[in-house]
Protein backbone atom coordinates (compact mmCIF):
# COMPACT_ATOMS: atom_id res chain seq x y z
CA MET A 1 21.97 1.95 9.60
CA GLU A 2 23.64 1.91 6.20
CA PRO A 3 27.08 3.61 6.04
CA ALA A 4 27.09 7.13 4.72
CA LEU A 5 27.97 7.43 1.05
CA GLY A 6 30.86 9.47 -0.17
CA PRO A 7 30.64 12.03 -3.04
CA GLN A 8 31.90 9.53 -5.63
CA GLU A 9 29.37 6.85 -4.55
CA LYS A 10 26.53 9.41 -4.64
CA TYR A 11 27.74 10.54 -8.06
CA HIS A 12 27.61 6.91 -9.35
CA LEU A 13 24.05 6.43 -8.05
CA ILE A 14 22.82 9.70 -9.47
CA THR A 15 24.30 9.17 -12.96
CA ARG A 16 24.00 5.39 -13.52
CA ASN A 17 21.99 4.39 -16.59
CA LEU A 18 21.74 8.06 -17.71
CA GLN A 19 22.43 8.89 -21.36
CA GLU A 20 23.94 12.27 -20.71
CA VAL A 21 24.86 14.77 -17.97
CA LEU A 22 25.32 18.48 -18.61
CA GLY A 23 27.36 20.04 -15.74
CA GLU A 24 29.31 17.03 -14.37
CA ASP A 25 31.98 19.19 -12.66
CA LYS A 26 29.34 21.32 -10.96
CA LEU A 27 27.55 18.19 -9.85
CA MET A 28 30.61 16.73 -8.23
CA GLY A 29 31.43 20.10 -6.63
CA ILE A 30 27.95 20.29 -4.97
CA LEU A 31 28.15 16.67 -3.76
CA LYS A 32 31.48 17.47 -1.96
CA GLU A 33 29.73 20.23 0.00
CA ARG A 34 26.07 19.27 0.48
CA GLU A 35 23.11 17.25 -0.83
CA LEU A 36 21.94 17.87 -4.36
CA LYS A 37 18.46 19.52 -4.95
CA ILE A 38 16.78 18.09 -8.04
CA TYR A 39 13.37 18.11 -9.66
CA TRP A 40 11.49 16.00 -12.19
CA GLY A 41 8.43 17.37 -13.93
CA THR A 42 5.66 15.63 -15.81
CA ALA A 43 2.96 17.36 -17.86
CA THR A 44 -0.46 15.98 -16.84
CA THR A 45 -1.68 14.90 -20.34
CA GLY A 46 -2.18 11.24 -21.40
CA LYS A 47 -2.40 8.37 -18.93
CA PRO A 48 0.94 7.43 -17.38
CA HIS A 49 2.10 3.96 -18.55
CA VAL A 50 4.75 1.48 -17.43
CA ALA A 51 7.62 3.51 -19.04
CA TYR A 52 7.05 5.96 -16.16
CA PHE A 53 8.77 3.36 -13.99
CA VAL A 54 12.01 4.41 -15.67
CA PRO A 55 12.05 7.95 -14.06
CA MET A 56 10.55 6.48 -10.88
CA SER A 57 13.53 4.08 -10.67
CA LYS A 58 15.94 7.02 -11.05
CA ILE A 59 14.13 8.99 -8.37
CA ALA A 60 14.77 5.99 -6.07
CA ASP A 61 18.49 6.32 -7.03
CA PHE A 62 18.43 10.08 -6.21
CA LEU A 63 16.88 9.45 -2.74
CA LYS A 64 19.44 6.70 -2.03
CA ALA A 65 22.11 9.25 -2.86
CA GLY A 66 20.62 11.71 -0.34
CA CYS A 67 19.17 14.14 -2.86
CA GLU A 68 16.30 16.50 -2.04
CA VAL A 69 13.79 15.60 -4.76
CA THR A 70 10.78 17.66 -5.93
CA ILE A 71 8.16 16.15 -8.26
CA LEU A 72 6.37 18.77 -10.37
CA PHE A 73 2.90 18.06 -11.76
CA ALA A 74 3.16 20.49 -14.69
CA ASP A 75 -0.56 21.18 -15.18
CA LEU A 76 -0.16 24.48 -16.97
CA HIS A 77 2.38 22.98 -19.36
CA ALA A 78 -0.19 20.25 -20.26
CA TYR A 79 -2.60 22.97 -21.39
CA LEU A 80 0.03 25.02 -23.24
CA ASP A 81 1.20 21.95 -25.29
CA ASN A 82 -1.45 22.33 -27.99
CA MET A 83 -4.13 21.85 -25.35
CA LYS A 84 -3.30 18.16 -24.85
CA ALA A 85 -5.20 18.59 -21.51
CA PRO A 86 -8.36 20.67 -22.05
CA TRP A 87 -8.83 23.39 -19.44
CA GLU A 88 -12.02 21.76 -18.07
CA LEU A 89 -10.11 18.43 -17.47
CA LEU A 90 -6.88 19.96 -16.11
CA GLU A 91 -7.75 19.66 -12.40
CA LEU A 92 -9.05 16.11 -12.79
CA ARG A 93 -5.97 14.93 -14.76
CA THR A 94 -3.66 16.52 -12.25
CA ARG A 95 -5.39 14.69 -9.41
CA TYR A 96 -5.19 11.47 -11.44
CA TYR A 97 -1.40 12.01 -11.96
CA GLU A 98 -0.85 12.77 -8.26
CA ASN A 99 -2.55 9.52 -7.23
CA VAL A 100 -1.02 7.25 -9.87
CA ILE A 101 2.60 8.60 -9.50
CA LYS A 102 2.42 8.21 -5.73
CA ALA A 103 1.05 4.64 -6.20
CA MET A 104 3.96 3.84 -8.58
CA LEU A 105 6.48 5.16 -6.10
CA GLU A 106 4.95 3.14 -3.28
CA SER A 107 4.96 -0.02 -5.43
CA ILE A 108 8.80 0.22 -5.81
CA GLY A 109 9.30 1.02 -2.15
CA VAL A 110 10.06 4.79 -2.36
CA PRO A 111 9.14 6.59 0.90
CA LEU A 112 6.78 9.46 -0.07
CA GLU A 113 7.68 11.53 3.04
CA LYS A 114 11.13 12.13 1.49
CA LEU A 115 9.65 13.78 -1.59
CA LYS A 116 8.12 17.19 -2.23
CA PHE A 117 5.11 17.31 -4.55
CA VAL A 118 4.24 20.61 -6.34
CA ARG A 119 1.70 21.67 -8.93
CA GLY A 120 2.80 24.15 -11.56
CA THR A 121 -0.22 26.42 -11.01
CA ASP A 122 0.82 26.72 -7.29
CA TYR A 123 3.43 29.32 -8.38
CA GLN A 124 3.28 29.81 -12.16
CA LEU A 125 0.38 32.22 -11.91
CA SER A 126 2.08 34.46 -9.39
CA LYS A 127 2.97 38.10 -10.17
CA GLU A 128 6.71 37.43 -9.94
CA TYR A 129 6.62 34.40 -12.19
CA THR A 130 4.43 36.12 -14.81
CA LEU A 131 6.74 39.12 -14.95
CA ASP A 132 9.72 36.70 -15.52
CA VAL A 133 7.80 35.09 -18.41
CA TYR A 134 7.45 38.59 -19.99
CA ARG A 135 11.17 39.34 -19.27
CA LEU A 136 12.18 36.03 -20.88
CA SER A 137 9.99 36.70 -23.91
CA SER A 138 11.76 39.99 -24.49
CA VAL A 139 15.14 38.24 -25.04
CA VAL A 140 14.18 34.85 -26.57
CA THR A 141 13.85 34.63 -30.33
CA GLN A 142 10.93 32.79 -32.01
CA HIS A 143 13.50 30.49 -33.67
CA ASP A 144 15.05 29.45 -30.36
CA ALA A 145 11.69 28.89 -28.66
CA LYS A 146 10.46 26.71 -31.52
CA LYS A 147 13.69 24.78 -31.73
CA ALA A 148 13.73 24.15 -27.95
CA GLY A 149 10.29 22.57 -27.98
CA ALA A 150 10.75 20.54 -31.17
CA GLU A 151 11.10 17.18 -29.46
CA VAL A 152 8.57 17.76 -26.70
CA VAL A 153 5.81 20.16 -27.80
CA LYS A 154 3.33 18.69 -30.28
CA GLN A 155 4.40 19.77 -33.75
CA VAL A 156 1.58 20.92 -36.06
CA GLU A 157 1.47 22.88 -39.30
CA HIS A 158 0.13 26.03 -37.70
CA PRO A 159 1.58 26.05 -34.12
CA LEU A 160 -0.07 28.01 -31.39
CA LEU A 161 1.76 30.75 -29.46
CA SER A 162 1.29 28.66 -26.29
CA GLY A 163 3.73 26.05 -27.57
CA LEU A 164 6.43 28.71 -27.94
CA LEU A 165 5.98 29.73 -24.28
CA TYR A 166 6.37 26.16 -23.11
CA PRO A 167 10.23 25.92 -23.06
CA GLY A 168 10.56 29.30 -21.27
CA LEU A 169 8.22 28.16 -18.47
CA GLN A 170 10.20 24.96 -18.03
CA ALA A 171 13.42 26.94 -17.80
CA LEU A 172 11.96 29.30 -15.18
CA ASP A 173 10.71 26.30 -13.10
CA GLU A 174 14.41 25.59 -12.26
CA GLU A 175 14.70 28.97 -10.56
CA TYR A 176 11.31 29.00 -8.86
CA LEU A 177 11.68 25.45 -7.46
CA LYS A 178 15.13 26.50 -6.08
CA VAL A 179 16.91 23.41 -7.41
CA ASP A 180 20.49 22.63 -8.53
CA ALA A 181 19.46 20.23 -11.27
CA GLN A 182 16.60 19.16 -13.57
CA PHE A 183 16.05 15.49 -14.55
CA GLY A 184 14.27 14.33 -17.65
CA GLY A 185 14.44 12.26 -20.84
CA VAL A 186 16.99 12.97 -23.54
CA ASP A 187 14.09 14.30 -25.68
CA GLN A 188 14.17 17.30 -23.33
CA ARG A 189 17.79 18.17 -24.25
CA LYS A 190 16.94 21.18 -26.41
CA ILE A 191 14.86 22.63 -23.58
CA PHE A 192 17.69 22.05 -21.17
CA THR A 193 20.26 23.83 -23.35
CA PHE A 194 17.70 26.62 -23.92
CA ALA A 195 17.50 27.06 -20.13
CA GLU A 196 21.30 27.05 -19.83
CA LYS A 197 21.51 29.84 -22.51
CA TYR A 198 18.70 32.10 -21.31
CA LEU A 199 18.38 31.84 -17.47
CA PRO A 200 21.66 33.74 -16.94
CA SER A 201 20.31 36.62 -19.07
CA LEU A 202 17.74 37.11 -16.28
CA GLY A 203 20.42 36.99 -13.63
CA TYR A 204 19.67 33.34 -12.66
CA ALA A 205 22.15 30.51 -12.30
CA LYS A 206 22.70 27.81 -15.00
CA ARG A 207 21.52 24.46 -13.70
CA ILE A 208 22.80 20.86 -14.00
CA HIS A 209 20.78 18.60 -16.42
CA LEU A 210 20.52 14.87 -16.08
CA MET A 211 19.01 12.90 -19.01
CA ASN A 212 17.59 9.39 -19.25
CA PRO A 213 17.70 7.52 -22.56
CA MET A 214 14.35 7.17 -24.41
CA VAL A 215 13.13 3.60 -23.66
CA PRO A 216 11.68 1.81 -26.73
CA GLY A 217 8.04 0.88 -26.55
CA LEU A 218 6.74 -2.63 -27.17
CA THR A 219 6.64 -1.97 -30.93
CA GLY A 220 10.26 -0.95 -30.99
CA SER A 221 9.62 2.81 -31.16
CA LYS A 222 9.25 5.25 -28.24
CA MET A 223 6.70 4.20 -25.68
CA SER A 224 3.86 6.67 -26.09
CA SER A 225 0.57 7.43 -24.40
CA SER A 226 -1.04 8.08 -27.78
CA GLU A 227 0.26 4.86 -29.39
CA GLU A 228 -1.90 2.14 -27.84
CA ASP A 229 0.12 -0.94 -28.88
CA SER A 230 3.47 0.62 -27.82
CA LYS A 231 2.64 0.79 -24.14
CA ILE A 232 1.18 -1.08 -21.16
CA ASP A 233 -1.21 1.03 -19.10
CA LEU A 234 -0.64 0.98 -15.34
CA LEU A 235 -4.25 -0.19 -14.83
CA ASP A 236 -4.22 -2.86 -17.57
CA ARG A 237 -5.57 -6.23 -16.51
CA LYS A 238 -3.18 -9.15 -16.24
CA GLU A 239 -4.59 -10.68 -19.41
CA ASP A 240 -3.98 -7.41 -21.33
CA VAL A 241 -0.41 -7.27 -20.04
CA LYS A 242 0.10 -10.83 -21.37
CA LYS A 243 -1.49 -9.94 -24.74
CA LYS A 244 0.64 -6.86 -25.23
CA LEU A 245 3.85 -8.54 -24.19
CA LYS A 246 3.08 -11.38 -26.55
CA LYS A 247 2.84 -8.95 -29.44
CA ALA A 248 5.92 -6.96 -28.37
CA PHE A 249 8.89 -6.63 -30.65
CA CYS A 250 11.56 -8.99 -29.28
CA GLU A 251 13.34 -10.59 -32.25
CA PRO A 252 15.68 -13.52 -31.32
CA GLY A 253 19.22 -12.18 -30.85
CA ASN A 254 18.29 -8.59 -31.58
CA VAL A 255 19.12 -6.17 -28.74
CA GLU A 256 18.47 -2.96 -30.70
CA ASN A 257 15.16 -1.12 -30.06
CA ASN A 258 14.08 -4.03 -27.91
CA GLY A 259 11.55 -2.62 -25.48
CA VAL A 260 11.39 -5.78 -23.38
CA LEU A 261 15.19 -5.79 -22.70
CA SER A 262 15.17 -2.00 -22.19
CA PHE A 263 12.50 -2.29 -19.44
CA ILE A 264 14.63 -4.89 -17.65
CA LYS A 265 17.73 -2.65 -17.86
CA HIS A 266 16.16 0.60 -16.76
CA VAL A 267 13.49 -0.54 -14.32
CA LEU A 268 13.76 -4.09 -13.07
CA PHE A 269 17.52 -4.33 -12.58
CA PRO A 270 17.97 -1.04 -10.70
CA LEU A 271 15.10 -1.96 -8.37
CA LYS A 272 16.23 -5.49 -7.45
CA SER A 273 19.88 -5.59 -8.59
CA GLU A 274 19.03 -8.91 -10.28
CA PHE A 275 16.61 -10.47 -12.80
CA VAL A 276 15.43 -14.05 -12.92
CA VAL A 277 14.60 -15.66 -16.30
CA LEU A 278 11.85 -18.21 -15.67
CA ARG A 279 11.90 -21.33 -17.84
CA GLU A 280 11.12 -25.01 -17.75
CA GLU A 281 13.68 -27.53 -16.58
CA LYS A 282 13.94 -29.05 -20.06
CA TRP A 283 15.23 -25.69 -21.27
CA GLY A 284 17.79 -25.31 -18.49
CA GLY A 285 15.59 -24.12 -15.60
CA ASN A 286 15.45 -20.72 -13.98
CA LYS A 287 18.56 -18.52 -14.26
CA THR A 288 19.38 -15.51 -12.08
CA TYR A 289 21.33 -12.58 -13.58
CA THR A 290 23.07 -10.14 -11.31
CA GLU A 291 24.46 -8.05 -14.19
CA TYR A 292 22.36 -6.72 -17.02
CA GLU A 293 25.27 -7.06 -19.52
CA ALA A 294 25.35 -10.84 -18.98
CA LEU A 295 21.59 -11.10 -19.73
CA GLU A 296 21.95 -8.99 -22.86
CA LYS A 297 24.89 -11.10 -24.05
CA ASP A 298 22.95 -14.38 -23.51
CA PHE A 299 19.96 -12.91 -25.42
CA ALA A 300 22.22 -11.73 -28.27
CA ASP A 301 23.73 -15.26 -28.38
CA GLN A 302 20.17 -16.71 -28.35
CA VAL A 303 20.84 -18.58 -25.05
CA VAL A 304 17.74 -16.78 -23.72
CA HIS A 305 14.56 -17.17 -25.80
CA PRO A 306 12.21 -14.21 -26.39
CA GLY A 307 9.28 -16.21 -25.00
CA ASP A 308 11.00 -16.87 -21.74
CA LEU A 309 12.14 -13.26 -21.48
CA LYS A 310 8.63 -11.97 -22.08
CA ASN A 311 7.08 -14.43 -19.53
CA SER A 312 9.63 -13.40 -16.93
CA VAL A 313 8.96 -9.65 -17.50
CA GLU A 314 5.25 -10.34 -17.28
CA VAL A 315 5.65 -11.86 -13.80
CA ALA A 316 7.92 -9.11 -12.53
CA LEU A 317 5.77 -6.34 -14.05
CA ASN A 318 2.54 -7.65 -12.57
CA LYS A 319 4.16 -7.62 -9.11
CA LEU A 320 4.78 -3.87 -9.60
CA LEU A 321 1.25 -3.23 -11.02
CA ASP A 322 -0.72 -5.23 -8.48
CA PRO A 323 -0.69 -2.63 -5.68
CA ILE A 324 -1.54 0.15 -8.21
CA ARG A 325 -4.50 -1.84 -9.55
CA GLU A 326 -5.61 -2.51 -6.01
CA LYS A 327 -5.45 1.18 -5.06
CA PHE A 328 -7.35 2.26 -8.17
CA ASN A 329 -10.06 -0.31 -7.58
CA SER A 330 -11.60 2.00 -5.02
CA PRO A 331 -14.94 3.64 -6.06
CA GLU A 332 -13.40 7.11 -5.63
CA LEU A 333 -10.43 6.53 -7.91
CA LYS A 334 -12.47 4.62 -10.45
CA LYS A 335 -14.72 7.71 -10.66
CA LEU A 336 -11.70 10.02 -11.00
CA THR A 337 -10.16 7.86 -13.79
CA SER A 338 -13.41 7.98 -15.81
CA ALA A 339 -13.82 11.73 -15.32
CA ALA A 340 -10.23 12.59 -16.13
CA TYR A 341 -10.12 10.46 -19.31
CA PRO A 342 -13.62 10.33 -20.75
CA ASN A 343 -13.50 8.09 -23.85
CA ALA A 344 -16.56 7.93 -26.09
CA ALA A 345 -15.23 4.87 -27.86
CA LYS A 346 -15.39 2.84 -24.66
CA ALA A 347 -18.90 4.06 -23.69
CA LYS A 348 -21.69 1.51 -23.70
CA PRO A 349 -22.92 0.74 -27.28
CA ALA A 350 -25.74 2.88 -28.53
CA GLU A 351 -29.15 1.39 -29.01
CA LYS A 352 -30.22 0.61 -32.56
CA SER A 353 -30.76 3.81 -34.38
CA THR A 354 -34.15 5.10 -35.22
CA LYS A 355 -35.22 7.94 -37.36
CA ASN A 356 -35.23 10.24 -34.30
CA SER A 357 -31.95 8.96 -32.76
CA GLU A 358 -28.69 10.88 -32.64
CA PRO A 359 -26.35 10.14 -35.61
CA GLU A 360 -23.42 7.86 -34.89
CA ASN A 361 -20.15 9.61 -34.00
CA VAL A 362 -17.76 9.12 -36.98
CA ASP A 363 -14.27 10.56 -36.40
CA PRO A 364 -10.81 9.36 -37.59
CA SER A 365 -9.79 8.04 -34.21
CA ARG A 366 -11.94 5.00 -35.05
CA LEU A 367 -9.51 3.93 -37.77
CA ASP A 368 -6.63 1.68 -36.81
CA ILE A 369 -3.97 3.05 -39.14
CA ARG A 370 -0.37 1.96 -38.71
CA VAL A 371 2.98 2.19 -40.42
CA GLY A 372 3.83 -1.01 -42.20
CA LYS A 373 6.92 -2.45 -43.83
CA VAL A 374 6.54 -4.53 -47.02
CA ILE A 375 8.60 -7.64 -46.54
CA SER A 376 7.51 -9.47 -49.70
CA VAL A 377 5.61 -8.70 -52.97
CA GLU A 378 4.20 -11.23 -55.40
CA LYS A 379 1.79 -11.02 -58.34
CA HIS A 380 -1.66 -12.35 -57.51
CA PRO A 381 -1.90 -15.88 -59.00
CA ASP A 382 -5.32 -15.13 -60.54
CA ALA A 383 -5.29 -11.40 -61.20
CA ASP A 384 -2.61 -9.53 -63.27
CA SER A 385 -3.61 -6.15 -61.78
CA LEU A 386 -3.12 -7.17 -58.15
CA TYR A 387 -0.15 -7.65 -55.84
CA VAL A 388 -0.18 -9.95 -52.79
CA GLU A 389 2.09 -8.42 -50.14
CA LYS A 390 3.27 -9.53 -46.71
CA ILE A 391 3.40 -6.46 -44.49
CA ASP A 392 4.91 -6.17 -41.02
CA VAL A 393 2.74 -4.00 -38.78
CA GLY A 394 4.38 -4.86 -35.46
CA GLU A 395 2.44 -8.05 -34.79
CA PRO A 396 3.86 -11.52 -34.28
CA GLU A 397 3.12 -12.45 -37.97
CA PRO A 398 2.97 -10.22 -41.04
CA ARG A 399 -0.38 -9.51 -42.58
CA THR A 400 -1.33 -10.64 -46.08
CA VAL A 401 -2.65 -7.64 -48.04
CA VAL A 402 -3.94 -7.55 -51.61
CA SER A 403 -3.60 -4.22 -53.45
CA GLY A 404 -4.21 -2.96 -56.96
CA LEU A 405 -0.84 -1.23 -57.37
CA VAL A 406 0.51 -3.20 -60.31
CA GLN A 407 -0.14 -0.41 -62.87
CA PHE A 408 1.30 2.31 -60.55
CA VAL A 409 4.37 0.89 -58.68
CA PRO A 410 6.94 -1.61 -59.93
CA ARG A 411 7.29 -4.61 -57.67
CA GLU A 412 10.94 -3.84 -56.75
CA GLN A 413 9.91 -0.32 -55.51
CA LEU A 414 7.42 -1.83 -53.07
CA GLN A 415 9.86 -4.36 -51.59
CA ASP A 416 11.10 -3.20 -48.08
CA ARG A 417 9.21 0.05 -48.39
CA LEU A 418 7.31 1.76 -45.54
CA VAL A 419 3.62 2.17 -46.22
CA VAL A 420 0.44 3.27 -44.36
CA LEU A 421 -1.99 0.47 -43.63
CA LEU A 422 -5.56 0.55 -42.53
CA CYS A 423 -5.70 -2.47 -40.15
CA ASN A 424 -9.26 -2.76 -38.84
CA LEU A 425 -11.20 -3.42 -42.02
CA LYS A 426 -13.03 -6.75 -41.95
CA PRO A 427 -10.82 -9.20 -43.86
CA GLN A 428 -12.17 -10.10 -47.28
CA LYS A 429 -11.16 -12.40 -50.12
CA MET A 430 -9.98 -10.75 -53.32
CA ARG A 431 -9.86 -13.26 -56.16
CA GLY A 432 -9.42 -16.14 -53.71
CA VAL A 433 -6.77 -14.51 -51.45
CA GLU A 434 -7.84 -13.06 -48.07
CA SER A 435 -6.66 -9.48 -47.63
CA GLN A 436 -6.14 -8.39 -43.96
CA GLY A 437 -5.77 -4.62 -44.52
CA MET A 438 -5.60 -1.86 -47.07
CA VAL A 439 -2.54 0.10 -48.20
CA LEU A 440 -3.55 3.77 -48.24
CA CYS A 441 -2.60 5.41 -51.53
CA ALA A 442 -2.81 8.83 -53.18
CA SER A 443 -4.30 9.09 -56.61
CA SER A 444 -4.74 11.85 -59.14
CA ILE A 445 -8.03 13.34 -60.05
CA GLY A 446 -8.53 13.13 -63.78
CA GLU A 447 -6.51 11.59 -66.59
CA PRO A 448 -3.91 10.16 -66.99
CA ARG A 449 -4.53 8.33 -63.79
CA GLN A 450 -1.57 8.24 -61.36
CA GLY A 451 -1.12 6.83 -57.89
CA GLY A 452 1.10 5.41 -55.24
CA PRO A 453 1.35 4.55 -51.53
CA LEU A 454 1.46 7.28 -48.91
CA ASP A 455 4.91 7.85 -47.29
CA PRO A 456 5.45 7.74 -43.52
CA PRO A 457 8.27 9.99 -42.15
CA ALA A 458 11.82 8.56 -42.38
CA GLY A 459 12.78 6.60 -39.22
CA CYS A 460 9.32 5.19 -38.46
CA CYS A 461 9.09 1.60 -37.24
CA ALA A 462 6.57 -0.99 -38.38
CA GLY A 463 3.52 -0.87 -36.12
CA GLU A 464 3.72 2.83 -35.24
CA ARG A 465 0.26 4.37 -34.94
CA VAL A 466 -0.86 6.90 -37.52
CA TYR A 467 -3.53 9.38 -36.35
CA VAL A 468 -5.18 12.57 -37.45
CA GLU A 469 -4.08 15.83 -35.75
CA GLY A 470 -6.36 16.41 -32.72
CA TYR A 471 -7.69 12.83 -32.67
CA GLU A 472 -4.76 10.99 -31.14
CA ASP A 473 -6.48 10.02 -27.85
CA GLY A 474 -9.43 8.01 -29.27
CA GLU A 475 -9.61 4.22 -29.32
CA PRO A 476 -9.87 2.56 -32.79
CA ASP A 477 -12.78 0.19 -33.41
CA ALA A 478 -11.71 -3.47 -33.09
CA GLU A 479 -13.24 -4.03 -36.53
CA LEU A 480 -15.07 -1.61 -38.81
CA LYS A 481 -18.49 -2.96 -39.61
CA PRO A 482 -19.12 -2.84 -43.41
CA LYS A 483 -22.79 -1.83 -42.99
CA LYS A 484 -21.82 1.24 -40.95
CA LYS A 485 -19.50 2.51 -43.75
CA VAL A 486 -17.32 4.34 -41.23
CA PHE A 487 -14.24 4.40 -43.43
CA GLU A 488 -16.22 5.44 -46.47
CA LYS A 489 -17.73 8.44 -44.66
CA LEU A 490 -14.27 9.54 -43.44
CA GLN A 491 -12.52 8.82 -46.71
CA ALA A 492 -14.73 11.31 -48.55
CA ASP A 493 -12.73 14.09 -46.80
CA PHE A 494 -9.24 12.55 -47.34
CA ARG A 495 -7.00 14.81 -49.54
CA ILE A 496 -3.43 15.52 -50.44
CA SER A 497 -2.66 19.19 -49.53
CA GLU A 498 -0.82 21.68 -51.71
CA ASP A 499 2.27 20.84 -49.58
CA CYS A 500 1.88 17.13 -50.47
CA VAL A 501 0.68 16.20 -46.93
CA ALA A 502 -2.10 13.66 -46.29
CA GLN A 503 -5.06 15.30 -44.57
CA TRP A 504 -8.62 14.74 -43.33
CA LYS A 505 -10.63 17.95 -43.33
CA GLN A 506 -7.38 19.93 -43.58
CA LYS A 507 -5.91 18.21 -40.45
CA ASN A 508 -2.69 16.31 -41.03
CA PHE A 509 -2.21 12.57 -40.75
CA LEU A 510 0.69 12.24 -38.31
CA THR A 511 3.09 9.83 -36.58
CA LYS A 512 5.19 10.92 -33.65
CA LEU A 513 7.99 11.74 -36.21
CA GLY A 514 5.89 14.00 -38.36
CA SER A 515 3.38 14.14 -41.16
CA ILE A 516 2.31 11.46 -43.64
CA SER A 517 3.06 12.68 -47.16
CA CYS A 518 2.99 11.95 -50.85
CA LYS A 519 5.85 12.81 -53.18
CA SER A 520 3.58 14.47 -55.66
CA LEU A 521 -0.16 14.38 -56.60
CA LYS A 522 -1.07 17.72 -54.94
CA GLY A 523 -4.83 17.95 -54.38
CA GLY A 524 -5.23 14.25 -55.05
CA SER A 525 -7.56 11.85 -53.26
CA ILE A 526 -6.67 9.08 -50.79
CA SER A 527 -8.11 5.59 -50.89
């Protein structure tokens, strides 16, 4: 048997790799008297991806520290968050989450019998809980409710009342699950401080809050279920894992926003207490690191090459994913996965259309639109009205794009600018130069003609997905077929709103940081 841990050792295990702890003194006080009771909740919305190993790794730490851990499948929250999980899919998605989270925990050696699993609807529909929701709504201001959910609840131009209820329910969960602490990402901080402010007003104790950092995705931004290239799905095939890691942002010597390094730090190191960089003998052979800081320093000094780092993560990650893939290869779980996440884009291709066939589904999720950063701008050698730009869209190499912006935007204003790029048009030559995408621009209706590129929100990274509100879960076409005229049909309803926001049928174009906009040109078109 392992020797019993003291309060200080438990405190270290519970708090290592966290970004912030609210209530440190209270935490230490409890550990000196008894075991900590803690819960982690996950709304059953999009498919869990490999970033979920980050909280799983911390749950392993909590159990090693002797904590009593509850995992909440927050099904009602999933519905309240702008209906991310439609009511008819709620039960199916909750079952999917239960199976996949348990498979993840088993793959990292966490004993399930030490955990308590709860669904939100097991108690959130009770008379007592409902009365507390009403009591809370009588003291919470609209401003505080909206502010609390700003980083978690989907932000739209006309928010639903359900999104304002979301933070209050999460606060009440702390009382109804009878825990000392809640664990989550640092994006939950505003909900946590909301709970600390308002639970005492109902006569309930203020809880401890433990926060993980937000781990960058493979494109350098937050790993997101709705941003396909930013994440590796738990059921991705080995060849898909290789492909996505190959495209991952991992610039030589750059340790900032490096999703590959972050995954090693927050998942692989805590699980194994070491990480092996695999490389050929001519490059020095394999090297084992027992401290993450030493690996990060070697990467910053370019002693470790990004290719070797990615290959090593690929091997380690596939070892974690193999038992999950095997479990979900059963007919029962295959059926559950398809039912919980029906995806029209992945359905078998329709037969050739006839006069009596159903019209092809054309919605904006079929467009592969991304944030791009212009890294060079030159005049087209054979056309005075065209620029030839190199644009970074989060891929290993920048794309060459030809655009007719010469008369609208000076060259120096395009250099290093963030733009919005349509990436799945069929490449075509424009005056002898192949263009691999289209910069989406606003233009005025009428004379004098004005125009300019659309603006992503400040802080976006190259490669971030741009989607239309309500269509974030679809899969873009690999390439838009010119004869189908998918873009042309959708583009007919592109407009700039009176608030200077880019829209399709009055629904905003969004990134995870907010709306795509245009500095002027109200009511203009987009092309």
